[in-house]
């Protein structure tokens, strides 16, 4: 467990290392066409953290320092190569109806 938490290249029990998850999610972000418009991805917090690592060009070791709470909206605006972060907005019935 300690190795997995300390080394982004470590794969627990044959699973995917964090560096691999970040690269895979980053590849998906890079594959979005420039004219895709708004894209909504409903994912678990680990995928949100991986997307942030990839989009912002952070070191994979920062994965564990990012908090992504369940039932929040984390926005990335821009496009591949130039992402901007809109930090987690709590989802409420009124914000969901307003598109925020």
PDB file of N, CA and C in Angstrom:
ATOM      1  N   UNK A   1       0.834  -1.187   0.000  1.00  0.00           N
ATOM      2  CA  UNK A   1       0.000   0.000   0.000  1.00  0.00           C
ATOM      3  C   UNK A   1       0.874   1.245   0.000  1.00  0.00           C
ATOM      4  N   UNK A   2       1.895   1.260   0.841  1.00  0.00           N
ATOM      5  CA  UNK A   2       2.769   2.433   0.918  1.00  0.00           C
ATOM      6  C   UNK A   2       3.452   2.700  -0.420  1.00  0.00           C
ATOM      7  N   UNK A   3       3.879   1.628  -1.098  1.00  0.00           N
ATOM      8  CA  UNK A   3       4.543   1.814  -2.390  1.00  0.00           C
ATOM      9  C   UNK A   3       3.571   2.420  -3.402  1.00  0.00           C
ATOM     10  N   UNK A   4       2.348   1.935  -3.411  1.00  0.00           N
ATOM     11  CA  UNK A   4       1.345   2.450  -4.341  1.00  0.00           C
ATOM     12  C   UNK A   4       1.068   3.933  -4.080  1.00  0.00           C
ATOM     13  N   UNK A   5       1.018   4.325  -2.800  1.00  0.00           N
ATOM     14  CA  UNK A   5       0.765   5.725  -2.460  1.00  0.00           C
ATOM     15  C   UNK A   5       1.960   6.618  -2.766  1.00  0.00           C
ATOM     16  N   UNK A   6       3.168   6.053  -2.716  1.00  0.00           N
ATOM     17  CA  UNK A   6       4.386   6.845  -2.925  1.00  0.00           C
ATOM     18  C   UNK A   6       4.894   6.837  -4.360  1.00  0.00           C
ATOM     19  N   UNK A   7       4.569   5.815  -5.127  1.00  0.00           N
ATOM     20  CA  UNK A   7       5.138   5.656  -6.463  1.00  0.00           C
ATOM     21  C   UNK A   7       4.026   5.569  -7.507  1.00  0.00           C
ATOM     22  N   UNK A   8       3.829   6.642  -8.305  1.00  0.00           N
ATOM     23  CA  UNK A   8       2.760   6.630  -9.305  1.00  0.00           C
ATOM     24  C   UNK A   8       2.921   5.540 -10.369  1.00  0.00           C
ATOM     25  N   UNK A   9       4.118   4.962 -10.486  1.00  0.00           N
ATOM     26  CA  UNK A   9       4.341   3.901 -11.470  1.00  0.00           C
ATOM     27  C   UNK A   9       4.048   2.518 -10.898  1.00  0.00           C
ATOM     28  N   UNK A  10       3.808   2.421  -9.597  1.00  0.00           N
ATOM     29  CA  UNK A  10       3.539   1.124  -8.967  1.00  0.00           C
ATOM     30  C   UNK A  10       2.125   0.668  -9.295  1.00  0.00           C
ATOM     31  N   UNK A  11       2.001  -0.610  -9.622  1.00  0.00           N
ATOM     32  CA  UNK A  11       0.690  -1.184  -9.946  1.00  0.00           C
ATOM     33  C   UNK A  11       0.285  -2.141  -8.835  1.00  0.00           C
ATOM     34  N   UNK A  12      -0.759  -1.820  -8.089  1.00  0.00           N
ATOM     35  CA  UNK A  12      -1.177  -2.697  -6.995  1.00  0.00           C
ATOM     36  C   UNK A  12      -1.797  -3.992  -7.512  1.00  0.00           C
ATOM     37  N   UNK A  13      -1.227  -5.100  -7.097  1.00  0.00           N
ATOM     38  CA  UNK A  13      -1.771  -6.425  -7.431  1.00  0.00           C
ATOM     39  C   UNK A  13      -2.075  -6.586  -8.919  1.00  0.00           C
ATOM     40  N   UNK A  14      -1.174  -6.076  -9.758  1.00  0.00           N
ATOM     41  CA  UNK A  14      -1.358  -6.222 -11.195  1.00  0.00           C
ATOM     42  C   UNK A  14      -2.338  -5.236 -11.804  1.00  0.00           C
ATOM     43  N   UNK A  15      -2.825  -4.291 -11.029  1.00  0.00           N
ATOM     44  CA  UNK A  15      -3.764  -3.298 -11.539  1.00  0.00           C
ATOM     45  C   UNK A  15      -3.055  -2.197 -12.301  1.00  0.00           C
ATOM     46  N   UNK A  16      -3.768  -1.151 -12.577  1.00  0.00           N
ATOM     47  CA  UNK A  16      -3.237  -0.026 -13.337  1.00  0.00           C
ATOM     48  C   UNK A  16      -2.540   0.966 -12.404  1.00  0.00           C
ATOM     49  N   UNK A  17      -1.315   1.359 -12.722  1.00  0.00           N
ATOM     50  CA  UNK A  17      -0.660   2.380 -11.901  1.00  0.00           C
ATOM     51  C   UNK A  17      -1.324   3.743 -12.096  1.00  0.00           C
ATOM     52  N   UNK A  18      -1.161   4.622 -11.116  1.00  0.00           N
ATOM     53  CA  UNK A  18      -1.749   5.962 -11.222  1.00  0.00           C
ATOM     54  C   UNK A  18      -1.241   6.698 -12.451  1.00  0.00           C
ATOM     55  N   UNK A  19       0.031   6.541 -12.755  1.00  0.00           N
ATOM     56  CA  UNK A  19       0.579   7.200 -13.940  1.00  0.00           C
ATOM     57  C   UNK A  19      -0.144   6.722 -15.196  1.00  0.00           C
ATOM     58  N   UNK A  20      -0.495   5.433 -15.242  1.00  0.00           N
ATOM     59  CA  UNK A  20      -1.239   4.897 -16.379  1.00  0.00           C
ATOM     60  C   UNK A  20      -2.651   5.449 -16.455  1.00  0.00           C
ATOM     61  N   UNK A  21      -3.311   5.545 -15.305  1.00  0.00           N
ATOM     62  CA  UNK A  21      -4.659   6.119 -15.264  1.00  0.00           C
ATOM     63  C   UNK A  21      -4.637   7.560 -15.755  1.00  0.00           C
ATOM     64  N   UNK A  22      -3.672   8.335 -15.271  1.00  0.00           N
ATOM     65  CA  UNK A  22      -3.570   9.739 -15.684  1.00  0.00           C
ATOM     66  C   UNK A  22      -3.305   9.846 -17.181  1.00  0.00           C
ATOM     67  N   UNK A  23      -2.450   8.980 -17.710  1.00  0.00           N
ATOM     68  CA  UNK A  23      -2.152   8.996 -19.145  1.00  0.00           C
ATOM     69  C   UNK A  23      -3.384   8.590 -19.957  1.00  0.00           C
ATOM     70  N   UNK A  24      -4.115   7.591 -19.489  1.00  0.00           N
ATOM     71  CA  UNK A  24      -5.302   7.124 -20.221  1.00  0.00           C
ATOM     72  C   UNK A  24      -6.385   8.198 -20.248  1.00  0.00           C
ATOM     73  N   UNK A  25      -6.627   8.826 -19.107  1.00  0.00           N
ATOM     74  CA  UNK A  25      -7.642   9.888 -19.053  1.00  0.00           C
ATOM     75  C   UNK A  25      -7.176  11.100 -19.861  1.00  0.00           C
ATOM     76  N   UNK A  26      -5.882  11.410 -19.782  1.00  0.00           N
ATOM     77  CA  UNK A  26      -5.332  12.507 -20.585  1.00  0.00           C
ATOM     78  C   UNK A  26      -5.464  12.242 -22.074  1.00  0.00           C
ATOM     79  N   UNK A  27      -5.282  10.989 -22.482  1.00  0.00           N
ATOM     80  CA  UNK A  27      -5.465  10.623 -23.886  1.00  0.00           C
ATOM     81  C   UNK A  27      -6.897  10.848 -24.347  1.00  0.00           C
ATOM     82  N   UNK A  28      -7.851  10.538 -23.451  1.00  0.00           N
ATOM     83  CA  UNK A  28      -9.254  10.791 -23.788  1.00  0.00           C
ATOM     84  C   UNK A  28      -9.493  12.293 -23.960  1.00  0.00           C
ATOM     85  N   UNK A  29      -8.961  13.100 -23.036  1.00  0.00           N
ATOM     86  CA  UNK A  29      -9.127  14.552 -23.165  1.00  0.00           C
ATOM     87  C   UNK A  29      -8.527  15.051 -24.476  1.00  0.00           C
ATOM     88  N   UNK A  30      -7.335  14.557 -24.810  1.00  0.00           N
ATOM     89  CA  UNK A  30      -6.668  14.987 -26.041  1.00  0.00           C
ATOM     90  C   UNK A  30      -7.427  14.548 -27.293  1.00  0.00           C
ATOM     91  N   UNK A  31      -8.214  13.477 -27.180  1.00  0.00           N
ATOM     92  CA  UNK A  31      -8.931  12.968 -28.344  1.00  0.00           C
ATOM     93  C   UNK A  31     -10.223  13.731 -28.640  1.00  0.00           C
ATOM     94  N   UNK A  32     -10.636  14.590 -27.726  1.00  0.00           N
ATOM     95  CA  UNK A  32     -11.872  15.349 -27.962  1.00  0.00           C
ATOM     96  C   UNK A  32     -11.655  16.315 -29.119  1.00  0.00           C
ATOM     97  N   UNK A  33     -12.542  16.313 -30.099  1.00  0.00           N
ATOM     98  CA  UNK A  33     -12.378  17.239 -31.223  1.00  0.00           C
ATOM     99  C   UNK A  33     -12.556  18.685 -30.771  1.00  0.00           C
ATOM    100  N   UNK A  34     -11.851  19.608 -31.399  1.00  0.00           N
ATOM    101  CA  UNK A  34     -11.942  21.018 -31.000  1.00  0.00           C
ATOM    102  C   UNK A  34     -13.362  21.572 -31.027  1.00  0.00           C
ATOM    103  N   UNK A  35     -14.206  21.034 -31.889  1.00  0.00           N
ATOM    104  CA  UNK A  35     -15.578  21.534 -32.009  1.00  0.00           C
ATOM    105  C   UNK A  35     -16.578  20.652 -31.264  1.00  0.00           C
ATOM    106  N   UNK A  36     -16.114  19.924 -30.246  1.00  0.00           N
ATOM    107  CA  UNK A  36     -16.993  19.000 -29.516  1.00  0.00           C
ATOM    108  C   UNK A  36     -18.062  19.718 -28.707  1.00  0.00           C
ATOM    109  N   UNK A  37     -17.866  20.971 -28.419  1.00  0.00           N
ATOM    110  CA  UNK A  37     -18.826  21.673 -27.569  1.00  0.00           C
ATOM    111  C   UNK A  37     -18.700  21.195 -26.137  1.00  0.00           C
ATOM    112  N   UNK A  38     -19.784  21.245 -25.406  1.00  0.00           N
ATOM    113  CA  UNK A  38     -19.759  20.789 -24.013  1.00  0.00           C
ATOM    114  C   UNK A  38     -19.823  19.276 -23.945  1.00  0.00           C
ATOM    115  N   UNK A  39     -18.999  18.721 -23.095  1.00  0.00           N
ATOM    116  CA  UNK A  39     -18.978  17.278 -22.879  1.00  0.00           C
ATOM    117  C   UNK A  39     -19.139  17.051 -21.387  1.00  0.00           C
ATOM    118  N   UNK A  40     -20.060  16.200 -21.009  1.00  0.00           N
ATOM    119  CA  UNK A  40     -20.275  15.868 -19.606  1.00  0.00           C
ATOM    120  C   UNK A  40     -19.819  14.435 -19.376  1.00  0.00           C
ATOM    121  N   UNK A  41     -18.938  14.263 -18.401  1.00  0.00           N
ATOM    122  CA  UNK A  41     -18.478  12.924 -18.032  1.00  0.00           C
ATOM    123  C   UNK A  41     -18.834  12.703 -16.572  1.00  0.00           C
ATOM    124  N   UNK A  42     -19.649  11.734 -16.300  1.00  0.00           N
ATOM    125  CA  UNK A  42     -20.027  11.394 -14.926  1.00  0.00           C
ATOM    126  C   UNK A  42     -19.086  10.272 -14.501  1.00  0.00           C
ATOM    127  N   UNK A  43     -18.162  10.607 -13.603  1.00  0.00           N
ATOM    128  CA  UNK A  43     -17.088   9.682 -13.248  1.00  0.00           C
ATOM    129  C   UNK A  43     -16.845   9.705 -11.751  1.00  0.00           C
ATOM    130  N   UNK A  44     -16.075   8.749 -11.298  1.00  0.00           N
ATOM    131  CA  UNK A  44     -15.709   8.703  -9.884  1.00  0.00           C
ATOM    132  C   UNK A  44     -14.584   9.702  -9.611  1.00  0.00           C
ATOM    133  N   UNK A  45     -14.373  10.073  -8.345  1.00  0.00           N
ATOM    134  CA  UNK A  45     -13.368  11.079  -8.004  1.00  0.00           C
ATOM    135  C   UNK A  45     -11.961  10.763  -8.511  1.00  0.00           C
ATOM    136  N   UNK A  46     -11.563   9.501  -8.582  1.00  0.00           N
ATOM    137  CA  UNK A  46     -10.220   9.165  -9.060  1.00  0.00           C
ATOM    138  C   UNK A  46     -10.027   9.607 -10.511  1.00  0.00           C
ATOM    139  N   UNK A  47     -11.066   9.494 -11.313  1.00  0.00           N
ATOM    140  CA  UNK A  47     -10.967   9.910 -12.716  1.00  0.00           C
ATOM    141  C   UNK A  47     -10.915  11.432 -12.805  1.00  0.00           C
ATOM    142  N   UNK A  48     -11.626  12.122 -11.941  1.00  0.00           N
ATOM    143  CA  UNK A  48     -11.549  13.588 -11.900  1.00  0.00           C
ATOM    144  C   UNK A  48     -10.122  14.008 -11.578  1.00  0.00           C
ATOM    145  N   UNK A  49      -9.527  13.387 -10.553  1.00  0.00           N
ATOM    146  CA  UNK A  49      -8.139  13.725 -10.191  1.00  0.00           C
ATOM    147  C   UNK A  49      -7.193  13.415 -11.346  1.00  0.00           C
ATOM    148  N   UNK A  50      -7.368  12.298 -12.014  1.00  0.00           N
ATOM    149  CA  UNK A  50      -6.511  11.944 -13.150  1.00  0.00           C
ATOM    150  C   UNK A  50      -6.665  12.957 -14.282  1.00  0.00           C
ATOM    151  N   UNK A  51      -7.885  13.406 -14.533  1.00  0.00           N
ATOM    152  CA  UNK A  51      -8.113  14.403 -15.580  1.00  0.00           C
ATOM    153  C   UNK A  51      -7.419  15.717 -15.238  1.00  0.00           C
ATOM    154  N   UNK A  52      -7.471  16.104 -13.985  1.00  0.00           N
ATOM    155  CA  UNK A  52      -6.808  17.342 -13.573  1.00  0.00           C
ATOM    156  C   UNK A  52      -5.298  17.226 -13.711  1.00  0.00           C
ATOM    157  N   UNK A  53      -4.747  16.098 -13.303  1.00  0.00           N
ATOM    158  CA  UNK A  53      -3.300  15.880 -13.442  1.00  0.00           C
ATOM    159  C   UNK A  53      -2.909  16.017 -14.912  1.00  0.00           C
ATOM    160  N   UNK A  54      -3.653  15.355 -15.787  1.00  0.00           N
ATOM    161  CA  UNK A  54      -3.328  15.378 -17.211  1.00  0.00           C
ATOM    162  C   UNK A  54      -3.556  16.761 -17.824  1.00  0.00           C
ATOM    163  N   UNK A  55      -4.703  17.353 -17.569  1.00  0.00           N
ATOM    164  CA  UNK A  55      -5.058  18.622 -18.212  1.00  0.00           C
ATOM    165  C   UNK A  55      -4.159  19.768 -17.781  1.00  0.00           C
ATOM    166  N   UNK A  56      -3.759  19.763 -16.523  1.00  0.00           N
ATOM    167  CA  UNK A  56      -2.952  20.865 -16.008  1.00  0.00           C
ATOM    168  C   UNK A  56      -1.458  20.585 -16.069  1.00  0.00           C
ATOM    169  N   UNK A  57      -1.088  19.415 -16.595  1.00  0.00           N
ATOM    170  CA  UNK A  57       0.328  19.080 -16.730  1.00  0.00           C
ATOM    171  C   UNK A  57       1.022  18.884 -15.402  1.00  0.00           C
ATOM    172  N   UNK A  58       0.297  18.368 -14.420  1.00  0.00           N
ATOM    173  CA  UNK A  58       0.871  18.153 -13.094  1.00  0.00           C
ATOM    174  C   UNK A  58       1.621  16.835 -13.056  1.00  0.00           C
ATOM    175  N   UNK A  59       2.522  16.713 -12.114  1.00  0.00           N
ATOM    176  CA  UNK A  59       3.220  15.449 -11.912  1.00  0.00           C
ATOM    177  C   UNK A  59       2.222  14.430 -11.367  1.00  0.00           C
ATOM    178  N   UNK A  60       2.292  13.174 -11.804  1.00  0.00           N
ATOM    179  CA  UNK A  60       1.357  12.161 -11.300  1.00  0.00           C
ATOM    180  C   UNK A  60       1.347  12.043  -9.776  1.00  0.00           C
ATOM    181  N   UNK A  61       2.432  12.389  -9.117  1.00  0.00           N
ATOM    182  CA  UNK A  61       2.480  12.309  -7.653  1.00  0.00           C
ATOM    183  C   UNK A  61       1.501  13.271  -6.996  1.00  0.00           C
ATOM    184  N   UNK A  62       1.040  14.299  -7.713  1.00  0.00           N
ATOM    185  CA  UNK A  62       0.083  15.254  -7.130  1.00  0.00           C
ATOM    186  C   UNK A  62      -1.334  14.691  -7.079  1.00  0.00           C
ATOM    187  N   UNK A  63      -1.557  13.541  -7.722  1.00  0.00           N
ATOM    188  CA  UNK A  63      -2.868  12.895  -7.745  1.00  0.00           C
ATOM    189  C   UNK A  63      -3.473  12.822  -6.350  1.00  0.00           C
ATOM    190  N   UNK A  64      -2.675  12.391  -5.365  1.00  0.00           N
ATOM    191  CA  UNK A  64      -3.182  12.197  -4.001  1.00  0.00           C
ATOM    192  C   UNK A  64      -3.408  13.515  -3.268  1.00  0.00           C
ATOM    193  N   UNK A  65      -2.942  14.616  -3.806  1.00  0.00           N
ATOM    194  CA  UNK A  65      -3.114  15.912  -3.140  1.00  0.00           C
ATOM    195  C   UNK A  65      -4.324  16.669  -3.669  1.00  0.00           C
ATOM    196  N   UNK A  66      -5.028  16.101  -4.612  1.00  0.00           N
ATOM    197  CA  UNK A  66      -6.226  16.723  -5.170  1.00  0.00           C
ATOM    198  C   UNK A  66      -7.457  16.093  -4.530  1.00  0.00           C
ATOM    199  N   UNK A  67      -8.325  16.914  -4.010  1.00  0.00           N
ATOM    200  CA  UNK A  67      -9.573  16.421  -3.425  1.00  0.00           C
ATOM    201  C   UNK A  67     -10.706  16.657  -4.418  1.00  0.00           C
ATOM    202  N   UNK A  68     -11.377  15.613  -4.761  1.00  0.00           N
ATOM    203  CA  UNK A  68     -12.555  15.704  -5.639  1.00  0.00           C
ATOM    204  C   UNK A  68     -13.699  15.050  -4.882  1.00  0.00           C
ATOM    205  N   UNK A  69     -14.558  15.864  -4.342  1.00  0.00           N
ATOM    206  CA  UNK A  69     -15.674  15.338  -3.556  1.00  0.00           C
ATOM    207  C   UNK A  69     -16.751  14.766  -4.462  1.00  0.00           C
ATOM    208  N   UNK A  70     -17.396  13.696  -4.000  1.00  0.00           N
ATOM    209  CA  UNK A  70     -18.533  13.162  -4.766  1.00  0.00           C
ATOM    210  C   UNK A  70     -19.640  14.212  -4.882  1.00  0.00           C
ATOM    211  N   UNK A  71     -20.398  14.128  -5.944  1.00  0.00           N
ATOM    212  CA  UNK A  71     -21.542  15.008  -6.207  1.00  0.00           C
ATOM    213  C   UNK A  71     -21.142  16.475  -6.320  1.00  0.00           C
ATOM    214  N   UNK A  72     -19.975  16.716  -6.905  1.00  0.00           N
ATOM    215  CA  UNK A  72     -19.568  18.080  -7.226  1.00  0.00           C
ATOM    216  C   UNK A  72     -19.256  18.141  -8.712  1.00  0.00           C
ATOM    217  N   UNK A  73     -19.236  19.339  -9.228  1.00  0.00           N
ATOM    218  CA  UNK A  73     -18.924  19.560 -10.630  1.00  0.00           C
ATOM    219  C   UNK A  73     -17.542  20.174 -10.719  1.00  0.00           C
ATOM    220  N   UNK A  74     -16.666  19.546 -11.454  1.00  0.00           N
ATOM    221  CA  UNK A  74     -15.336  20.084 -11.716  1.00  0.00           C
ATOM    222  C   UNK A  74     -15.274  20.369 -13.201  1.00  0.00           C
ATOM    223  N   UNK A  75     -15.018  21.601 -13.543  1.00  0.00           N
ATOM    224  CA  UNK A  75     -15.056  21.990 -14.947  1.00  0.00           C
ATOM    225  C   UNK A  75     -13.689  22.228 -15.528  1.00  0.00           C
ATOM    226  N   UNK A  76     -13.475  21.718 -16.720  1.00  0.00           N
ATOM    227  CA  UNK A  76     -12.309  22.048 -17.521  1.00  0.00           C
ATOM    228  C   UNK A  76     -12.822  22.786 -18.744  1.00  0.00           C
ATOM    229  N   UNK A  77     -12.325  23.978 -18.961  1.00  0.00           N
ATOM    230  CA  UNK A  77     -12.720  24.755 -20.128  1.00  0.00           C
ATOM    231  C   UNK A  77     -11.506  24.927 -21.022  1.00  0.00           C
ATOM    232  N   UNK A  78     -11.735  25.219 -22.250  1.00  0.00           N
ATOM    233  CA  UNK A  78     -10.644  25.391 -23.201  1.00  0.00           C
ATOM    234  C   UNK A  78     -10.610  24.254 -24.187  1.00  0.00           C
ATOM    235  N   UNK A  79      -9.410  23.733 -24.411  1.00  0.00           N
ATOM    236  CA  UNK A  79      -9.238  22.648 -25.377  1.00  0.00           C
ATOM    237  C   UNK A  79      -7.935  21.929 -25.088  1.00  0.00           C
ATOM    238  N   UNK A  80      -7.695  20.865 -25.797  1.00  0.00           N
ATOM    239  CA  UNK A  80      -6.484  20.082 -25.617  1.00  0.00           C
ATOM    240  C   UNK A  80      -5.249  20.975 -25.709  1.00  0.00           C
ATOM    241  N   UNK A  81      -4.368  20.830 -24.773  1.00  0.00           N
ATOM    242  CA  UNK A  81      -3.154  21.637 -24.751  1.00  0.00           C
ATOM    243  C   UNK A  81      -3.305  22.951 -24.009  1.00  0.00           C
ATOM    244  N   UNK A  82      -4.521  23.373 -23.728  1.00  0.00           N
ATOM    245  CA  UNK A  82      -4.753  24.646 -23.022  1.00  0.00           C
ATOM    246  C   UNK A  82      -6.024  24.552 -22.194  1.00  0.00           C
ATOM    247  N   UNK A  83      -5.990  23.726 -21.160  1.00  0.00           N
ATOM    248  CA  UNK A  83      -7.155  23.564 -20.300  1.00  0.00           C
ATOM    249  C   UNK A  83      -7.104  24.556 -19.147  1.00  0.00           C
ATOM    250  N   UNK A  84      -8.257  25.011 -18.725  1.00  0.00           N
ATOM    251  CA  UNK A  84      -8.413  25.869 -17.555  1.00  0.00           C
ATOM    252  C   UNK A  84      -9.320  25.146 -16.568  1.00  0.00           C
ATOM    253  N   UNK A  85      -9.048  25.319 -15.301  1.00  0.00           N
ATOM    254  CA  UNK A  85      -9.802  24.631 -14.256  1.00  0.00           C
ATOM    255  C   UNK A  85     -10.866  25.539 -13.670  1.00  0.00           C
ATOM    256  N   UNK A  86     -12.078  25.026 -13.603  1.00  0.00           N
ATOM    257  CA  UNK A  86     -13.154  25.667 -12.852  1.00  0.00           C
ATOM    258  C   UNK A  86     -13.409  24.746 -11.663  1.00  0.00           C
ATOM    259  N   UNK A  87     -13.058  25.202 -10.472  1.00  0.00           N
ATOM    260  CA  UNK A  87     -13.049  24.346  -9.284  1.00  0.00           C
ATOM    261  C   UNK A  87     -14.441  23.871  -8.889  1.00  0.00           C
ATOM    262  N   UNK A  88     -14.463  22.746  -8.162  1.00  0.00           N
ATOM    263  CA  UNK A  88     -15.674  22.015  -7.806  1.00  0.00           C
ATOM    264  C   UNK A  88     -16.824  22.856  -7.288  1.00  0.00           C
ATOM    265  N   UNK A  89     -17.880  22.851  -8.022  1.00  0.00           N
ATOM    266  CA  UNK A  89     -19.123  23.511  -7.651  1.00  0.00           C
ATOM    267  C   UNK A  89     -20.061  22.451  -7.108  1.00  0.00           C
ATOM    268  N   UNK A  90     -20.634  22.698  -5.953  1.00  0.00           N
ATOM    269  CA  UNK A  90     -21.577  21.740  -5.372  1.00  0.00           C
ATOM    270  C   UNK A  90     -22.815  21.673  -6.236  1.00  0.00           C
ATOM    271  N   UNK A  91     -23.257  20.466  -6.523  1.00  0.00           N
ATOM    272  CA  UNK A  91     -24.473  20.285  -7.317  1.00  0.00           C
ATOM    273  C   UNK A  91     -25.688  20.394  -6.411  1.00  0.00           C
ATOM    274  N   UNK A  92     -26.616  21.225  -6.797  1.00  0.00           N
ATOM    275  CA  UNK A  92     -27.882  21.374  -6.090  1.00  0.00           C
ATOM    276  C   UNK A  92     -28.981  21.286  -7.145  1.00  0.00           C
ATOM    277  N   UNK A  93     -30.205  21.038  -6.739  1.00  0.00           N
ATOM    278  CA  UNK A  93     -31.279  20.986  -7.737  1.00  0.00           C
ATOM    279  C   UNK A  93     -31.366  22.251  -8.585  1.00  0.00           C
ATOM    280  N   UNK A  94     -31.140  23.423  -7.984  1.00  0.00           N
ATOM    281  CA  UNK A  94     -31.251  24.666  -8.758  1.00  0.00           C
ATOM    282  C   UNK A  94     -30.068  24.835  -9.701  1.00  0.00           C
ATOM    283  N   UNK A  95     -28.851  24.453  -9.306  1.00  0.00           N
ATOM    284  CA  UNK A  95     -27.703  24.621 -10.206  1.00  0.00           C
ATOM    285  C   UNK A  95     -27.774  23.633 -11.360  1.00  0.00           C
ATOM    286  N   UNK A  96     -28.305  22.440 -11.128  1.00  0.00           N
ATOM    287  CA  UNK A  96     -28.445  21.465 -12.203  1.00  0.00           C
ATOM    288  C   UNK A  96     -29.466  21.951 -13.229  1.00  0.00           C
ATOM    289  N   UNK A  97     -30.551  22.566 -12.769  1.00  0.00           N
ATOM    290  CA  UNK A  97     -31.576  23.064 -13.677  1.00  0.00           C
ATOM    291  C   UNK A  97     -31.075  24.272 -14.472  1.00  0.00           C
ATOM    292  N   UNK A  98     -30.211  25.081 -13.837  1.00  0.00           N
ATOM    293  CA  UNK A  98     -29.668  26.273 -14.495  1.00  0.00           C
ATOM    294  C   UNK A  98     -28.510  25.959 -15.415  1.00  0.00           C
ATOM    295  N   UNK A  99     -27.979  24.735 -15.359  1.00  0.00           N
ATOM    296  CA  UNK A  99     -26.839  24.369 -16.175  1.00  0.00           C
ATOM    297  C   UNK A  99     -25.514  24.823 -15.595  1.00  0.00           C
ATOM    298  N   UNK A 100     -25.504  25.185 -14.310  1.00  0.00           N
ATOM    299  CA  UNK A 100     -24.256  25.609 -13.677  1.00  0.00           C
ATOM    300  C   UNK A 100     -23.526  24.442 -13.106  1.00  0.00           C
TER     301      UNK A 100
END
